[in-house]
Amino acid sequence: MIDFTNQTVIITGAGTGIGFAIAQALAKQGASVLLNDFDETLAQQAAETIRQSGGNCVACPGDASDVAFVRQLVDTAVTTFGQVDVAIANAGITVFGDLFTTTPHAFETIVNLNLRGSFFLAQAAAGQMRAQGRGGSILFMSSVVGHLAHPGLPVYSMTKAGLEMLARQLVIDLSPLGVTVNAIAPGATLTERTLDDPEYIPIWSRITPMGRPANVADIVNAALFLVSPASRHITGQSLIVDGGWTSVGVPPV
């Protein structure tokens, strides 16, 4: 149990799945949450669910790959809650296609959201944290495919590996401000999307050393630790949460 009372959190792509679970947990622990999702209905429903359970959450739907909108997110957090203490760049997109079938449009869509959106959210949030003068935390959402090649994901994998390098690089700029910057690399995780695949649990239970795919709580626990004072001397790191899968690298076939 980590107390986030008097902390303001921005999280993108949080209408459902891992992002929503992180937002919900942070609100439960006392944080004021600005919840973003591209889908306005999902964003509003997610924020309302959190409010109904007693949390403080405001929806801010929009495109997290749009630099102007990302800057607006930070401005909205300050206007609404008075500050920004944590920024979690969770929004991302997966488009399957190998080297020969990936189109320029697919490439740009993936890179713009996964990399550009994350970079400029970090830039805008860190600028606000610098003005506040009391530190903060930034968290990127990577993936195990930033560590091991996976069929059909050359561009997605590239962006996830890039986010982990970005976390290391930003240590130079953010450490003097007392701002930590880290990344989480989830492995196979049970979400609304993956549960639609009847083969998902059997396959990933068989090839994951711990015998099961992750639950969202496994990822949430890691996220809350990395944006909390409990990890104040951890920065520039990537935490893999995959039940040991990247240690053995058995493909999901």
Protein backbone atom coordinates (compact mmCIF):
# COMPACT_ATOMS: atom_id res chain seq x y z
CA MET A 1 0.00 0.00 0.00
CA ILE A 2 1.65 3.23 -1.18
CA ASP A 3 0.11 6.58 -0.33
CA PHE A 4 -0.33 8.91 -3.31
CA THR A 5 -2.38 11.52 -1.47
CA ASN A 6 -1.76 15.03 -2.83
CA GLN A 7 -0.17 13.58 -5.97
CA THR A 8 -1.44 14.36 -9.46
CA VAL A 9 -0.99 11.73 -12.17
CA ILE A 10 -1.40 11.96 -15.94
CA ILE A 11 -1.82 8.62 -17.70
CA THR A 12 -2.44 8.15 -21.42
CA GLY A 13 -4.24 5.28 -23.11
CA ALA A 14 -6.04 4.39 -19.90
CA GLY A 15 -9.60 3.75 -21.00
CA THR A 16 -9.16 0.01 -20.59
CA GLY A 17 -6.59 -2.70 -19.93
CA ILE A 18 -3.34 -2.10 -18.08
CA GLY A 19 -3.64 1.68 -18.27
CA PHE A 20 -7.06 1.71 -16.65
CA ALA A 21 -5.92 -0.68 -13.92
CA ILE A 22 -2.96 1.58 -13.10
CA ALA A 23 -5.19 4.66 -13.04
CA GLN A 24 -7.71 2.89 -10.80
CA ALA A 25 -5.02 1.75 -8.37
CA LEU A 26 -3.44 5.19 -8.16
CA ALA A 27 -6.80 6.82 -7.47
CA LYS A 28 -7.53 4.21 -4.82
CA GLN A 29 -4.25 5.14 -3.15
CA GLY A 30 -5.23 8.82 -3.05
CA ALA A 31 -3.90 10.27 -6.30
CA SER A 32 -5.80 12.75 -8.44
CA VAL A 33 -5.79 11.20 -11.92
CA LEU A 34 -6.11 12.83 -15.33
CA LEU A 35 -7.14 9.88 -17.49
CA ASN A 36 -6.61 10.01 -21.24
CA ASP A 37 -7.83 7.74 -24.00
CA PHE A 38 -8.31 8.29 -27.71
CA ASP A 39 -11.83 6.88 -27.41
CA GLU A 40 -13.95 9.52 -25.67
CA THR A 41 -16.58 7.04 -24.52
CA LEU A 42 -13.98 4.75 -22.96
CA ALA A 43 -12.23 7.67 -21.27
CA GLN A 44 -15.45 9.01 -19.76
CA GLN A 45 -16.62 5.56 -18.65
CA ALA A 46 -13.28 4.75 -17.07
CA ALA A 47 -13.15 8.04 -15.17
CA GLU A 48 -16.72 7.58 -13.97
CA THR A 49 -15.96 4.06 -12.74
CA ILE A 50 -13.05 5.40 -10.72
CA ARG A 51 -15.15 8.23 -9.29
CA GLN A 52 -17.93 5.82 -8.32
CA SER A 53 -15.42 3.85 -6.25
CA GLY A 54 -14.37 7.03 -4.43
CA GLY A 55 -11.41 8.11 -6.54
CA ASN A 56 -10.63 11.55 -7.91
CA CYS A 57 -10.41 11.22 -11.69
CA VAL A 58 -11.09 13.47 -14.68
CA ALA A 59 -11.26 12.23 -18.27
CA CYS A 60 -9.34 14.02 -20.99
CA PRO A 61 -9.97 12.21 -24.29
CA GLY A 62 -7.77 12.89 -27.26
CA ASP A 63 -4.90 11.78 -29.46
CA ALA A 64 -1.78 11.15 -27.36
CA SER A 65 0.38 11.25 -30.50
CA ASP A 66 -0.56 14.90 -31.07
CA VAL A 67 2.08 17.14 -29.51
CA ALA A 68 -0.29 20.06 -29.01
CA PHE A 69 -2.80 17.80 -27.27
CA VAL A 70 -0.12 16.26 -25.04
CA ARG A 71 0.90 19.74 -23.91
CA GLN A 72 -2.76 20.48 -23.29
CA LEU A 73 -2.93 17.40 -21.04
CA VAL A 74 -0.30 18.90 -18.78
CA ASP A 75 -2.01 22.30 -18.80
CA THR A 76 -5.33 20.64 -17.95
CA ALA A 77 -3.79 18.74 -15.05
CA VAL A 78 -2.38 21.97 -13.64
CA THR A 79 -5.65 23.84 -14.14
CA THR A 80 -7.70 21.03 -12.61
CA PHE A 81 -5.45 19.75 -9.84
CA GLY A 82 -2.80 22.45 -9.46
CA GLN A 83 0.27 20.36 -10.27
CA VAL A 84 1.80 17.37 -12.05
CA ASP A 85 3.75 14.81 -10.03
CA VAL A 86 3.63 11.68 -12.19
CA ALA A 87 3.32 11.15 -15.94
CA ILE A 88 2.74 7.67 -17.34
CA ALA A 89 3.05 7.31 -21.12
CA ASN A 90 0.91 4.20 -21.47
CA ALA A 91 -0.75 4.90 -24.83
CA GLY A 92 0.53 2.67 -27.60
CA ILE A 93 -0.55 0.80 -30.68
CA THR A 94 0.39 -2.53 -32.22
CA VAL A 95 0.16 -3.04 -35.97
CA PHE A 96 1.30 -6.42 -37.28
CA GLY A 97 3.30 -6.70 -40.47
CA ASP A 98 6.74 -7.94 -41.44
CA LEU A 99 9.50 -5.96 -43.17
CA PHE A 100 7.97 -6.50 -46.61
CA THR A 101 4.33 -5.72 -45.78
CA THR A 102 4.67 -2.72 -43.44
CA THR A 103 3.36 0.42 -45.13
CA PRO A 104 4.60 3.96 -44.51
CA HIS A 105 1.22 4.78 -42.98
CA ALA A 106 1.43 1.89 -40.51
CA PHE A 107 5.02 2.83 -39.67
CA GLU A 108 4.13 6.45 -38.99
CA THR A 109 1.06 5.53 -36.93
CA ILE A 110 3.07 3.27 -34.63
CA VAL A 111 6.06 5.58 -34.27
CA ASN A 112 3.97 8.71 -33.78
CA LEU A 113 2.01 7.29 -30.85
CA ASN A 114 4.53 4.97 -29.22
CA LEU A 115 7.59 7.20 -29.50
CA ARG A 116 6.65 10.76 -30.37
CA GLY A 117 3.69 10.88 -28.01
CA SER A 118 5.72 9.43 -25.15
CA PHE A 119 8.67 11.75 -25.75
CA PHE A 120 6.60 14.92 -25.80
CA LEU A 121 4.50 13.89 -22.82
CA ALA A 122 7.76 13.49 -20.92
CA GLN A 123 8.95 16.86 -22.19
CA ALA A 124 5.78 18.70 -21.18
CA ALA A 125 5.43 16.97 -17.82
CA ALA A 126 9.08 17.45 -16.95
CA GLY A 127 8.84 21.13 -17.80
CA GLN A 128 6.01 21.47 -15.31
CA MET A 129 7.89 19.44 -12.70
CA ARG A 130 10.90 21.70 -13.16
CA ALA A 131 8.75 24.77 -12.58
CA GLN A 132 7.29 23.20 -9.44
CA GLY A 133 10.75 22.43 -8.08
CA ARG A 134 9.92 19.31 -6.07
CA GLY A 135 10.75 16.41 -8.38
CA GLY A 136 8.43 13.80 -9.81
CA SER A 137 8.30 10.57 -11.79
CA ILE A 138 7.93 9.65 -15.46
CA LEU A 139 7.13 6.12 -16.59
CA PHE A 140 7.20 4.66 -20.11
CA MET A 141 5.37 1.48 -21.09
CA SER A 142 7.71 -0.78 -23.02
CA SER A 143 7.31 -4.49 -23.81
CA VAL A 144 9.20 -7.75 -23.75
CA VAL A 145 9.38 -7.49 -27.54
CA GLY A 146 11.78 -4.63 -26.98
CA HIS A 147 14.15 -7.37 -25.76
CA LEU A 148 13.31 -10.40 -27.91
CA ALA A 149 12.30 -10.50 -31.57
CA HIS A 150 8.70 -11.48 -32.25
CA PRO A 151 7.19 -12.33 -35.67
CA GLY A 152 5.27 -9.52 -37.32
CA LEU A 153 6.32 -6.72 -34.97
CA PRO A 154 9.46 -5.06 -36.36
CA VAL A 155 8.24 -1.48 -35.95
CA TYR A 156 6.44 -2.01 -32.65
CA SER A 157 9.51 -3.76 -31.21
CA MET A 158 11.73 -0.93 -32.39
CA THR A 159 9.57 1.64 -30.61
CA LYS A 160 9.52 -0.32 -27.36
CA ALA A 161 13.29 -0.73 -27.34
CA GLY A 162 13.53 2.97 -28.13
CA LEU A 163 11.44 3.87 -25.08
CA GLU A 164 13.82 2.00 -22.82
CA MET A 165 16.78 3.86 -24.31
CA LEU A 166 14.85 7.10 -23.88
CA ALA A 167 14.42 6.34 -20.18
CA ARG A 168 18.18 5.91 -19.84
CA GLN A 169 18.95 9.02 -21.88
CA LEU A 170 16.60 11.29 -19.96
CA VAL A 171 18.42 10.53 -16.72
CA ILE A 172 20.90 13.19 -17.85
CA ASP A 173 18.25 15.91 -18.08
CA LEU A 174 15.92 14.87 -15.27
CA SER A 175 18.15 13.76 -12.41
CA PRO A 176 19.19 17.33 -11.51
CA LEU A 177 15.46 18.08 -11.14
CA GLY A 178 14.85 15.17 -8.77
CA VAL A 179 12.68 13.48 -11.42
CA THR A 180 12.99 9.73 -11.94
CA VAL A 181 12.35 8.17 -15.34
CA ASN A 182 11.89 4.45 -15.86
CA ALA A 183 10.15 1.92 -18.08
CA ILE A 184 8.13 -1.23 -17.55
CA ALA A 185 8.27 -4.07 -20.09
CA PRO A 186 5.22 -6.29 -19.59
CA GLY A 187 5.11 -9.76 -21.03
CA ALA A 188 1.95 -11.64 -21.92
CA THR A 189 -0.82 -10.09 -19.82
CA LEU A 190 -4.49 -10.95 -19.39
CA THR A 191 -6.56 -7.97 -20.53
CA GLU A 192 -9.91 -7.53 -22.24
CA ARG A 193 -8.16 -7.78 -25.60
CA THR A 194 -6.04 -10.87 -24.96
CA LEU A 195 -8.88 -12.72 -23.24
CA ASP A 196 -10.75 -12.66 -26.56
CA ASP A 197 -8.22 -15.23 -27.81
CA PRO A 198 -9.13 -18.70 -26.45
CA GLU A 199 -5.57 -19.91 -27.12
CA TYR A 200 -3.88 -17.10 -25.22
CA ILE A 201 -3.92 -18.56 -21.71
CA PRO A 202 -2.98 -22.14 -22.72
CA ILE A 203 -0.10 -21.02 -24.94
CA TRP A 204 1.40 -18.48 -22.55
CA SER A 205 0.90 -20.70 -19.52
CA ARG A 206 2.90 -23.39 -21.29
CA ILE A 207 5.83 -21.22 -22.35
CA THR A 208 6.09 -18.88 -19.35
CA PRO A 209 8.43 -20.28 -16.67
CA MET A 210 6.10 -19.12 -13.86
CA GLY A 211 3.31 -21.12 -15.46
CA ARG A 212 0.88 -18.34 -16.34
CA PRO A 213 0.63 -15.02 -18.16
CA ALA A 214 0.58 -11.88 -16.00
CA ASN A 215 -2.56 -10.44 -14.50
CA VAL A 216 -2.97 -6.67 -14.74
CA ALA A 217 -2.25 -6.52 -11.00
CA ASP A 218 1.28 -7.80 -11.67
CA ILE A 219 1.93 -4.84 -13.94
CA VAL A 220 0.11 -2.38 -11.69
CA ASN A 221 2.24 -3.31 -8.68
CA ALA A 222 5.43 -2.65 -10.64
CA ALA A 223 4.12 0.65 -12.00
CA LEU A 224 3.06 1.98 -8.61
CA PHE A 225 6.44 1.10 -7.15
CA LEU A 226 8.35 2.89 -9.90
CA VAL A 227 6.36 6.13 -9.61
CA SER A 228 6.41 6.17 -5.80
CA PRO A 229 8.92 7.52 -3.29
CA ALA A 230 9.84 3.88 -2.55
CA SER A 231 11.89 3.93 -5.79
CA ARG A 232 13.33 7.43 -5.47
CA HIS A 233 16.90 6.17 -6.14
CA ILE A 234 15.90 4.06 -9.15
CA THR A 235 16.07 5.85 -12.49
CA GLY A 236 16.96 5.05 -16.08
CA GLN A 237 15.89 1.44 -15.59
CA SER A 238 13.58 -0.99 -17.39
CA LEU A 239 11.70 -3.53 -15.30
CA ILE A 240 10.62 -6.66 -17.17
CA VAL A 241 7.44 -8.22 -15.77
CA ASP A 242 7.03 -11.44 -17.72
CA GLY A 243 7.17 -14.45 -15.41
CA GLY A 244 10.64 -15.26 -16.74
CA TRP A 245 9.70 -15.51 -20.42
CA THR A 246 12.56 -13.39 -21.75
CA SER A 247 15.01 -15.61 -19.84
CA VAL A 248 14.10 -18.61 -21.96
CA GLY A 249 12.62 -17.01 -25.08
CA VAL A 250 10.24 -19.79 -26.10
CA PRO A 251 8.17 -18.45 -29.03
CA PRO A 252 4.35 -18.50 -28.82
CA VAL A 253 3.70 -21.11 -31.51
